[in-house]
C-alpha atoms as a PDB file:
ATOM      1  CA  MET A   1      11.597 -40.876 -18.581  1.00  0.00           C
ATOM      2  CA  THR A   2      12.418 -37.746 -16.598  1.00  0.00           C
ATOM      3  CA  GLY A   3      10.842 -37.094 -13.231  1.00  0.00           C
ATOM      4  CA  THR A   4       8.731 -34.251 -14.600  1.00  0.00           C
ATOM      5  CA  ALA A   5       7.507 -36.287 -17.561  1.00  0.00           C
ATOM      6  CA  GLU A   6       6.695 -39.207 -15.276  1.00  0.00           C
ATOM      7  CA  ALA A   7       4.770 -36.932 -12.917  1.00  0.00           C
ATOM      8  CA  ASN A   8       2.814 -35.460 -15.826  1.00  0.00           C
ATOM      9  CA  THR A   9       1.948 -38.939 -17.076  1.00  0.00           C
ATOM     10  CA  GLU A  10       0.752 -39.965 -13.621  1.00  0.00           C
ATOM     11  CA  LEU A  11      -1.307 -36.779 -13.314  1.00  0.00           C
ATOM     12  CA  ASN A  12      -2.917 -37.377 -16.706  1.00  0.00           C
ATOM     13  CA  GLU A  13      -3.737 -40.959 -15.734  1.00  0.00           C
ATOM     14  CA  TYR A  14      -5.240 -39.732 -12.464  1.00  0.00           C
ATOM     15  CA  ILE A  15      -7.397 -37.195 -14.324  1.00  0.00           C
ATOM     16  CA  LYS A  16      -8.556 -39.919 -16.718  1.00  0.00           C
ATOM     17  CA  TYR A  17      -9.411 -42.169 -13.774  1.00  0.00           C
ATOM     18  CA  LEU A  18     -11.423 -39.430 -12.027  1.00  0.00           C
ATOM     19  CA  LYS A  19     -13.333 -38.571 -15.192  1.00  0.00           C
ATOM     20  CA  GLU A  20     -14.263 -42.242 -15.573  1.00  0.00           C
ATOM     21  CA  ARG A  21     -15.442 -42.365 -11.962  1.00  0.00           C
ATOM     22  CA  ILE A  22     -17.513 -39.217 -12.472  1.00  0.00           C
ATOM     23  CA  PHE A  23     -19.141 -40.767 -15.539  1.00  0.00           C
ATOM     24  CA  PHE A  24     -20.530 -43.508 -13.312  1.00  0.00           C
ATOM     25  CA  GLU A  25     -20.970 -41.361 -10.170  1.00  0.00           C
ATOM     26  CA  PRO A  26     -21.796 -37.847 -11.427  1.00  0.00           C
ATOM     27  CA  LEU A  27     -23.044 -36.679  -8.018  1.00  0.00           C
ATOM     28  CA  ALA A  28     -19.950 -37.756  -6.077  1.00  0.00           C
ATOM     29  CA  ALA A  29     -18.596 -34.471  -4.715  1.00  0.00           C
ATOM     30  CA  PRO A  30     -15.149 -35.887  -3.729  1.00  0.00           C
ATOM     31  CA  HIS A  31     -14.487 -36.970  -7.321  1.00  0.00           C
ATOM     32  CA  HIS A  32     -15.235 -33.480  -8.646  1.00  0.00           C
ATOM     33  CA  TYR A  33     -13.157 -31.932  -5.850  1.00  0.00           C
ATOM     34  CA  ASN A  34     -10.164 -34.171  -6.522  1.00  0.00           C
ATOM     35  CA  LEU A  35     -10.458 -33.530 -10.253  1.00  0.00           C
ATOM     36  CA  GLY A  36     -10.421 -29.803  -9.489  1.00  0.00           C
ATOM     37  CA  LEU A  37      -7.214 -30.253  -7.506  1.00  0.00           C
ATOM     38  CA  ALA A  38      -5.699 -32.258 -10.367  1.00  0.00           C
ATOM     39  CA  TYR A  39      -6.612 -29.604 -12.924  1.00  0.00           C
ATOM     40  CA  ALA A  40      -5.120 -26.930 -10.660  1.00  0.00           C
ATOM     41  CA  ARG A  41      -1.862 -28.905 -10.462  1.00  0.00           C
ATOM     42  CA  LYS A  42      -1.890 -29.238 -14.232  1.00  0.00           C
ATOM     43  CA  GLY A  43      -2.247 -25.466 -14.636  1.00  0.00           C
ATOM     44  CA  LEU A  44      -5.807 -25.510 -15.951  1.00  0.00           C
ATOM     45  CA  PRO A  45      -7.583 -22.935 -13.748  1.00  0.00           C
ATOM     46  CA  ASP A  46     -10.859 -22.713 -15.675  1.00  0.00           C
ATOM     47  CA  GLU A  47     -11.287 -26.473 -15.606  1.00  0.00           C
ATOM     48  CA  ALA A  48     -10.415 -26.475 -11.889  1.00  0.00           C
ATOM     49  CA  ILE A  49     -13.032 -23.802 -11.172  1.00  0.00           C
ATOM     50  CA  SER A  50     -15.649 -25.816 -13.036  1.00  0.00           C
ATOM     51  CA  GLU A  51     -14.934 -28.954 -10.998  1.00  0.00           C
ATOM     52  CA  PHE A  52     -14.885 -27.149  -7.649  1.00  0.00           C
ATOM     53  CA  LYS A  53     -18.259 -25.632  -8.529  1.00  0.00           C
ATOM     54  CA  GLN A  54     -19.541 -29.092  -9.473  1.00  0.00           C
ATOM     55  CA  ALA A  55     -18.310 -30.411  -6.121  1.00  0.00           C
ATOM     56  CA  LEU A  56     -20.203 -27.654  -4.317  1.00  0.00           C
ATOM     57  CA  ALA A  57     -23.320 -28.301  -6.363  1.00  0.00           C
ATOM     58  CA  CYS A  58     -23.172 -31.910  -5.144  1.00  0.00           C
ATOM     59  CA  ASP A  59     -22.222 -30.998  -1.574  1.00  0.00           C
ATOM     60  CA  PRO A  60     -22.779 -27.342  -0.564  1.00  0.00           C
ATOM     61  CA  GLN A  61     -21.095 -28.035   2.794  1.00  0.00           C
ATOM     62  CA  MET A  62     -17.673 -28.823   1.253  1.00  0.00           C
ATOM     63  CA  ALA A  63     -15.776 -25.895   2.733  1.00  0.00           C
ATOM     64  CA  GLN A  64     -12.404 -26.933   1.283  1.00  0.00           C
ATOM     65  CA  ALA A  65     -13.833 -26.611  -2.217  1.00  0.00           C
ATOM     66  CA  TYR A  66     -14.550 -22.941  -1.482  1.00  0.00           C
ATOM     67  CA  VAL A  67     -10.989 -22.475  -0.170  1.00  0.00           C
ATOM     68  CA  ASN A  68      -9.469 -23.939  -3.329  1.00  0.00           C
ATOM     69  CA  LEU A  69     -11.912 -22.046  -5.518  1.00  0.00           C
ATOM     70  CA  GLY A  70     -10.823 -18.849  -3.810  1.00  0.00           C
ATOM     71  CA  GLY A  71      -7.190 -19.737  -4.421  1.00  0.00           C
ATOM     72  CA  ILE A  72      -7.804 -20.131  -8.133  1.00  0.00           C
ATOM     73  CA  TYR A  73      -9.649 -16.821  -8.287  1.00  0.00           C
ATOM     74  CA  PHE A  74      -6.694 -15.166  -6.558  1.00  0.00           C
ATOM     75  CA  GLN A  75      -4.303 -16.595  -9.158  1.00  0.00           C
ATOM     76  CA  LYS A  76      -6.545 -15.169 -11.869  1.00  0.00           C
ATOM     77  CA  GLY A  77      -6.457 -11.742 -10.206  1.00  0.00           C
ATOM     78  CA  ASP A  78     -10.131 -11.748  -9.229  1.00  0.00           C
ATOM     79  CA  LEU A  79      -9.799 -10.555  -5.634  1.00  0.00           C
ATOM     80  CA  GLU A  80     -13.510 -10.010  -5.062  1.00  0.00           C
ATOM     81  CA  GLN A  81     -14.414 -13.596  -5.973  1.00  0.00           C
ATOM     82  CA  CYS A  82     -11.435 -14.831  -3.971  1.00  0.00           C
ATOM     83  CA  ILE A  83     -12.739 -13.023  -0.898  1.00  0.00           C
ATOM     84  CA  GLU A  84     -16.299 -14.200  -1.477  1.00  0.00           C
ATOM     85  CA  ALA A  85     -15.265 -17.850  -1.825  1.00  0.00           C
ATOM     86  CA  ASN A  86     -13.088 -17.842   1.300  1.00  0.00           C
ATOM     87  CA  GLN A  87     -15.770 -16.085   3.326  1.00  0.00           C
ATOM     88  CA  LYS A  88     -18.210 -18.805   2.292  1.00  0.00           C
ATOM     89  CA  ALA A  89     -15.681 -21.387   3.444  1.00  0.00           C
ATOM     90  CA  LEU A  90     -15.437 -19.691   6.836  1.00  0.00           C
ATOM     91  CA  ASN A  91     -19.204 -19.495   7.133  1.00  0.00           C
ATOM     92  CA  LEU A  92     -19.154 -23.289   6.954  1.00  0.00           C
ATOM     93  CA  ASP A  93     -16.032 -23.810   9.072  1.00  0.00           C
ATOM     94  CA  PRO A  94     -14.523 -20.805  10.925  1.00  0.00           C
ATOM     95  CA  GLY A  95     -11.489 -22.897  11.851  1.00  0.00           C
ATOM     96  CA  LEU A  96      -9.911 -23.104   8.384  1.00  0.00           C
ATOM     97  CA  PRO A  97      -6.506 -21.404   8.627  1.00  0.00           C
ATOM     98  CA  MET A  98      -5.927 -21.309   4.851  1.00  0.00           C
ATOM     99  CA  ALA A  99      -9.211 -19.479   4.311  1.00  0.00           C
ATOM    100  CA  HIS A 100      -8.167 -16.805   6.817  1.00  0.00           C
ATOM    101  CA  SER A 101      -4.706 -16.629   5.224  1.00  0.00           C
ATOM    102  CA  ASN A 102      -6.154 -16.322   1.723  1.00  0.00           C
ATOM    103  CA  LEU A 103      -8.435 -13.527   2.905  1.00  0.00           C
ATOM    104  CA  GLY A 104      -5.466 -11.767   4.473  1.00  0.00           C
ATOM    105  CA  PHE A 105      -3.495 -11.976   1.236  1.00  0.00           C
ATOM    106  CA  ALA A 106      -6.428 -10.675  -0.807  1.00  0.00           C
ATOM    107  CA  TYR A 107      -7.068  -7.801   1.611  1.00  0.00           C
ATOM    108  CA  LEU A 108      -3.354  -6.955   1.502  1.00  0.00           C
ATOM    109  CA  GLN A 109      -3.488  -6.724  -2.281  1.00  0.00           C
ATOM    110  CA  GLN A 110      -6.534  -4.468  -2.005  1.00  0.00           C
ATOM    111  CA  GLY A 111      -4.794  -2.131   0.430  1.00  0.00           C
ATOM    112  CA  GLU A 112      -7.170  -3.089   3.256  1.00  0.00           C
ATOM    113  CA  PHE A 113      -4.356  -3.469   5.758  1.00  0.00           C
ATOM    114  CA  THR A 114      -6.384  -3.570   8.975  1.00  0.00           C
ATOM    115  CA  GLN A 115      -8.533  -6.378   7.600  1.00  0.00           C
ATOM    116  CA  ALA A 116      -5.435  -8.149   6.287  1.00  0.00           C
ATOM    117  CA  ILE A 117      -3.830  -8.051   9.729  1.00  0.00           C
ATOM    118  CA  ALA A 118      -6.954  -9.377  11.449  1.00  0.00           C
ATOM    119  CA  ALA A 119      -7.327 -12.252   8.970  1.00  0.00           C
ATOM    120  CA  CYS A 120      -3.660 -13.255   9.080  1.00  0.00           C
ATOM    121  CA  ARG A 121      -3.518 -13.074  12.864  1.00  0.00           C
ATOM    122  CA  ARG A 122      -6.432 -15.482  13.006  1.00  0.00           C
ATOM    123  CA  ALA A 123      -4.679 -17.746  10.502  1.00  0.00           C
ATOM    124  CA  VAL A 124      -1.521 -18.009  12.621  1.00  0.00           C
ATOM    125  CA  GLU A 125      -3.557 -18.531  15.776  1.00  0.00           C
ATOM    126  CA  LEU A 126      -5.075 -21.592  14.100  1.00  0.00           C
ATOM    127  CA  ALA A 127      -1.876 -22.725  12.349  1.00  0.00           C
ATOM    128  CA  PRO A 128       1.245 -21.238  14.007  1.00  0.00           C
ATOM    129  CA  ASP A 129       3.566 -22.547  11.277  1.00  0.00           C
ATOM    130  CA  LEU A 130       1.608 -21.099   8.340  1.00  0.00           C
ATOM    131  CA  LEU A 131       4.531 -19.338   6.689  1.00  0.00           C
ATOM    132  CA  GLN A 132       2.639 -17.237   4.153  1.00  0.00           C
ATOM    133  CA  ALA A 133       0.317 -15.829   6.813  1.00  0.00           C
ATOM    134  CA  HIS A 134       3.301 -14.614   8.860  1.00  0.00           C
ATOM    135  CA  ASN A 135       4.769 -13.051   5.734  1.00  0.00           C
ATOM    136  CA  ASN A 136       1.492 -11.322   4.892  1.00  0.00           C
ATOM    137  CA  LEU A 137       1.358 -10.008   8.458  1.00  0.00           C
ATOM    138  CA  ALA A 138       4.861  -8.600   8.112  1.00  0.00           C
ATOM    139  CA  ALA A 139       3.957  -6.871   4.852  1.00  0.00           C
ATOM    140  CA  ALA A 140       0.708  -5.453   6.238  1.00  0.00           C
ATOM    141  CA  TYR A 141       2.424  -4.141   9.369  1.00  0.00           C
ATOM    142  CA  LEU A 142       5.024  -2.421   7.168  1.00  0.00           C
ATOM    143  CA  GLN A 143       2.215  -0.666   5.346  1.00  0.00           C
ATOM    144  CA  THR A 144       0.797   0.588   8.652  1.00  0.00           C
ATOM    145  CA  ASN A 145       4.255   1.756   9.862  1.00  0.00           C
ATOM    146  CA  ASP A 146       4.324  -0.768  12.695  1.00  0.00           C
ATOM    147  CA  GLN A 147       7.929  -1.846  12.183  1.00  0.00           C
ATOM    148  CA  GLU A 148       8.229  -3.709  15.478  1.00  0.00           C
ATOM    149  CA  ALA A 149       5.255  -5.940  14.696  1.00  0.00           C
ATOM    150  CA  SER A 150       6.525  -6.449  11.147  1.00  0.00           C
ATOM    151  CA  ILE A 151       9.949  -7.496  12.436  1.00  0.00           C
ATOM    152  CA  ALA A 152       8.377  -9.936  14.885  1.00  0.00           C
ATOM    153  CA  ALA A 153       6.280 -11.507  12.108  1.00  0.00           C
ATOM    154  CA  SER A 154       9.280 -11.828   9.773  1.00  0.00           C
ATOM    155  CA  LEU A 155      11.477 -13.333  12.487  1.00  0.00           C
ATOM    156  CA  ARG A 156       8.736 -15.880  13.168  1.00  0.00           C
ATOM    157  CA  ALA A 157       8.670 -16.687   9.447  1.00  0.00           C
ATOM    158  CA  LEU A 158      12.436 -17.280   9.513  1.00  0.00           C
ATOM    159  CA  GLU A 159      12.025 -19.644  12.473  1.00  0.00           C
ATOM    160  CA  ILE A 160       9.853 -21.719  10.160  1.00  0.00           C
ATOM    161  CA  ASN A 161      12.134 -21.371   7.124  1.00  0.00           C
ATOM    162  CA  GLU A 162      15.449 -19.549   7.506  1.00  0.00           C
ATOM    163  CA  HIS A 163      15.819 -19.340   3.715  1.00  0.00           C
ATOM    164  CA  PHE A 164      12.494 -17.579   3.117  1.00  0.00           C
ATOM    165  CA  VAL A 165      13.496 -14.647   0.922  1.00  0.00           C
ATOM    166  CA  PRO A 166      10.495 -12.318   1.504  1.00  0.00           C
ATOM    167  CA  ALA A 167      11.085 -12.396   5.263  1.00  0.00           C
ATOM    168  CA  HIS A 168      14.692 -11.255   4.865  1.00  0.00           C
ATOM    169  CA  PHE A 169      13.624  -8.499   2.494  1.00  0.00           C
ATOM    170  CA  ASN A 170      10.818  -7.318   4.784  1.00  0.00           C
ATOM    171  CA  LEU A 171      13.274  -7.266   7.682  1.00  0.00           C
ATOM    172  CA  ALA A 172      15.666  -5.153   5.632  1.00  0.00           C
ATOM    173  CA  VAL A 173      12.895  -2.648   4.912  1.00  0.00           C
ATOM    174  CA  ALA A 174      11.683  -2.568   8.520  1.00  0.00           C
ATOM    175  CA  TYR A 175      15.170  -2.144  10.007  1.00  0.00           C
ATOM    176  CA  HIS A 176      15.941   0.535   7.416  1.00  0.00           C
ATOM    177  CA  SER A 177      12.801   2.409   8.466  1.00  0.00           C
ATOM    178  CA  GLN A 178      13.987   2.234  12.074  1.00  0.00           C
ATOM    179  CA  GLY A 179      17.424   3.548  11.136  1.00  0.00           C
ATOM    180  CA  ASP A 180      19.202   0.275  11.956  1.00  0.00           C
ATOM    181  CA  LEU A 181      21.292   0.201   8.785  1.00  0.00           C
ATOM    182  CA  GLU A 182      23.550  -2.628   9.927  1.00  0.00           C
ATOM    183  CA  LYS A 183      20.673  -5.077  10.297  1.00  0.00           C
ATOM    184  CA  ALA A 184      19.017  -3.709   7.166  1.00  0.00           C
ATOM    185  CA  ARG A 185      22.164  -4.425   5.136  1.00  0.00           C
ATOM    186  CA  GLU A 186      22.546  -7.849   6.728  1.00  0.00           C
ATOM    187  CA  HIS A 187      19.049  -8.999   5.775  1.00  0.00           C
ATOM    188  CA  TYR A 188      19.085  -7.344   2.365  1.00  0.00           C
ATOM    189  CA  LYS A 189      22.354  -9.143   1.556  1.00  0.00           C
ATOM    190  CA  ARG A 190      20.833 -12.410   2.736  1.00  0.00           C
ATOM    191  CA  ALA A 191      17.780 -11.831   0.544  1.00  0.00           C
ATOM    192  CA  ARG A 192      19.979 -11.072  -2.473  1.00  0.00           C
ATOM    193  CA  ASP A 193      22.151 -14.147  -1.822  1.00  0.00           C
ATOM    194  CA  LEU A 194      18.983 -16.254  -1.811  1.00  0.00           C
ATOM    195  CA  GLY A 195      17.874 -14.890  -5.183  1.00  0.00           C
ATOM    196  CA  CYS A 196      15.894 -11.740  -4.425  1.00  0.00           C
ATOM    197  CA  PRO A 197      15.991  -9.242  -7.329  1.00  0.00           C
ATOM    198  CA  ALA A 198      17.854  -6.005  -6.690  1.00  0.00           C
ATOM    199  CA  ASP A 199      15.832  -3.188  -5.146  1.00  0.00           C
ATOM    200  CA  GLU A 200      17.007   0.287  -6.144  1.00  0.00           C
ATOM    201  CA  GLN A 201      16.265   1.900  -2.802  1.00  0.00           C
ATOM    202  CA  MET A 202      17.802  -0.880  -0.743  1.00  0.00           C
ATOM    203  CA  GLU A 203      20.903  -1.059  -2.946  1.00  0.00           C
ATOM    204  CA  ASN A 204      21.931   2.368  -1.655  1.00  0.00           C
ATOM    205  CA  ILE A 205      21.757   1.709   2.074  1.00  0.00           C
END
């Protein structure tokens, strides 16, 4: 049995186990929450949403259920519900770094760059090694023409993971905007070597 097939079998057995537990304990919020996580891992977003909502119906104070619910909504492209869910999580627990990071990502996608920066800065204050939040900061700063801040955020991301492709690409764009073509080429080449698709504008630097 391959590793993937074995993992799928274990996940299916875990889902079966949780559904049996829920049959006998239908108001147990952790069972619904864990089943939501399992469905999300299995690539069943609608089922995951249903279970996270069931968890919250059983325990309205379960902030992590809102965070995961927001993540699923983001994957489905529903930014408004993503924002709403993560804001509800933060109303319950303002110290959840992933909720701030998720908000930052959603605001970035909406073009609300000032809000994205504020949310992501809070995320990295709470969790300094939260890679995606640093990357979102870099992208948002690029959009506001603050190349220095974008470079700083991308360099911090590379301290966490030197092979993180988006950070190299964002650095290439930021250095190019500053006129530092040598560093722009260096980071664009690194991004391409790590698997980044070709970018027409950056190919010509």
